[in-house]
Amino acid sequence: MSSNPCLREHEERYQNRKEAVEFYRLNGVKETLEAALNEMFLLRPGDVNGYLAEYFLKLSTPPRISRLRGRKVYDARGQPSIQADVFCTICNLEKSTSSASVSSCLPPEGMSLYQDRTHHVTTAAQWINEHLSDELKDQDPCDQSEVDRRLSNFFKARLQEDKDIQEMEKQRSLTSTKQEVEPPAPPSAKTRDKRSTGKLLPPAEPLEPVLPGSMAIGAVSLAVAKTGAQVKNIPLYKHVAYLRNHEAPGQFHIPVLLVTLLSCGKTSPGKLCLLEEVILIPKMGQQVKQIIGMTLELQEEMRRIMSGSTKAGAASSLWCDSGAPAVGYNQPEEPLDLITDACRNLGVELGTDVYLALNCAAPGLLDYAKGKYEVCTGVLKSPDELVDLYQSLISRYPAVVALIDPFRREDTKQWEQLSRVLGDSCSLLSDITQNPQAPPLPGARGYVLKQVNETTVSDMVHITSDHRGLVLMGAAYGEPCSDASFSDIAVGLGLEYVKLGGLSGAERMAKYNRLVSIEEELAQQGDLVYKESHPPPLFPEKGREPSTAE
């Protein structure tokens, strides 16, 4: 190169121009610009720069995940939770595209709830920031199945590591205590019977422990799904529908809303333990706004009745985690009588305009030492006696069309017996959140599924496909998650029913309001259908085919 500065500068400019020409040629820049300018001239848009921006955006490289960020947030109860943030490279710039969090389902044993949750959240943040971010780097956010496959494989590896560590600790413990005195033999069955007031029941199926950090999997999966919808520039429910059907989504229906009307159970002021929730099921074909309005009117009428009631057992109500008033009663008939009176006063016909479901939550009521369920404080019922109690309730209140978890899973004989006794008048539902692959219970017609912990969006697609038309979804009870995208998932999966809790609290109302928006949007597009049935819920064989909404 010449030592003359002017000549050297001229040579550098020439070399740069030469390289630029080659760069533009290899990337077809000249042809692209000519096509854009020719098309713009024909259209003559008012916003020239805006048109060019949209034109070249369509030609840009599809977004790719650049990194993830996990951080601790707080849920509606002030408890620590995890939020996953997805960042993508879009037009050569890194942008934050979406965030998500899911409910966590943690066992009550062990450390205090706050300490336990903090440990789970800290581990989840570490997984996201140190491992999953690298695992998903450069992945297509629209390829949900591949993203979820990587997430599931990562989780399985961590789960196996945890099992290996526990097995090693167990072996060391056995070795160190091998020479110690053998523990006393367990008491004989005869001895146990003397201490027990009831028949021994089969032990509960052991639950898989919740692996610390597992909530990171569900949160990242949901955040990526939201990113995929954003990249496609479509609502999340349409993106989920495409993942489910593998084709362009067509018409949609809004799932039947199961609204928590009353909370009783252990957390209520009274002695009644059996009914954790009394759930309102509206007649099919009603709009979400109509259902919300009717439920609020019923609750207001119930409050009016309670404020003027002098009946023993009726205590003042308070609002609990389910978003519904918790009423203090001593007998399972009392809250049902209250609802009956409120419906009668408002001219709402139970069994025609509205139906009821009872979330019994019986697995948490069993006293294993006595072999009985504590349905009210100090009142114990054997599984066979509980069958009689349910039969009496359904006979007296025929508007009750579903019982959720009326027994433990282990009481298979009673599940089958109760289903046979009730026949077609009432359906039995089982919560399969902890073990979706468990064999079906005899007599169970429906299933409750919640998106918690390591449940990915692909898992939801597969599970709901396997249990088509029989899946009831809801956020974890007492564990509200503020992410309104849950409503999009319910619609996109084509579910028959969705449970969002009571009509109180911003985190729940965000989901209800999102359903209202989806319903209005689908109606405007002509893509909304209403399913009609009488009686509507949990009786698929009695339903009619969808009819196009007017």
Foldseek 3Di string as FASTA:
>chain_A
DDPPVVVVVVVVVVVVVVVVVVVCVVVVVVVLVVVQVVVCVVVVDPDSVVSVVVSVQVVDDQKAWAFKAKDWDAFPVRAIFIKIWTWIQGPNDIDTQFMFFAFADADCDDDHPRVLSVQLSVLLRCCRHPPLGVQRHRPRLLPLVVSLVSLVVVVVVVVVVVVVVVVVVVVVVCVVCVPPDDDDDDDDPVVLVVQAQADAAPDADDFDHFDRNLRNQARVQVGSLSSSCVSVVHDSLQSLLCVQVVDGDFFFAAAFEWEFLEAEADPAPAFFHFFRTKTKTFAFPDALVVVQVVSVQLSVLLQVCLVPDPDPQWDHWDAALLRYTYTGGFDPVVVVVSSVVSCVVVVHDQQFGMAIETARVQVVQADNSHQFGSRGVVDTDHLVRLLVVVLVVCVVRLSHAEYECSDRLRVLVSLQVSLVSCPRSHAYEYECQSPLPDDDRHRHLAYEHESHRNQHSVNVSVSCVVNPARYEYEGPRSGFGQDLCVSSSCGSSNYNYYYQGHDHDNSSVSNSVVSNVVQVVCVVVQRYWIWHFRRDPSCVVGTDDIDRDD
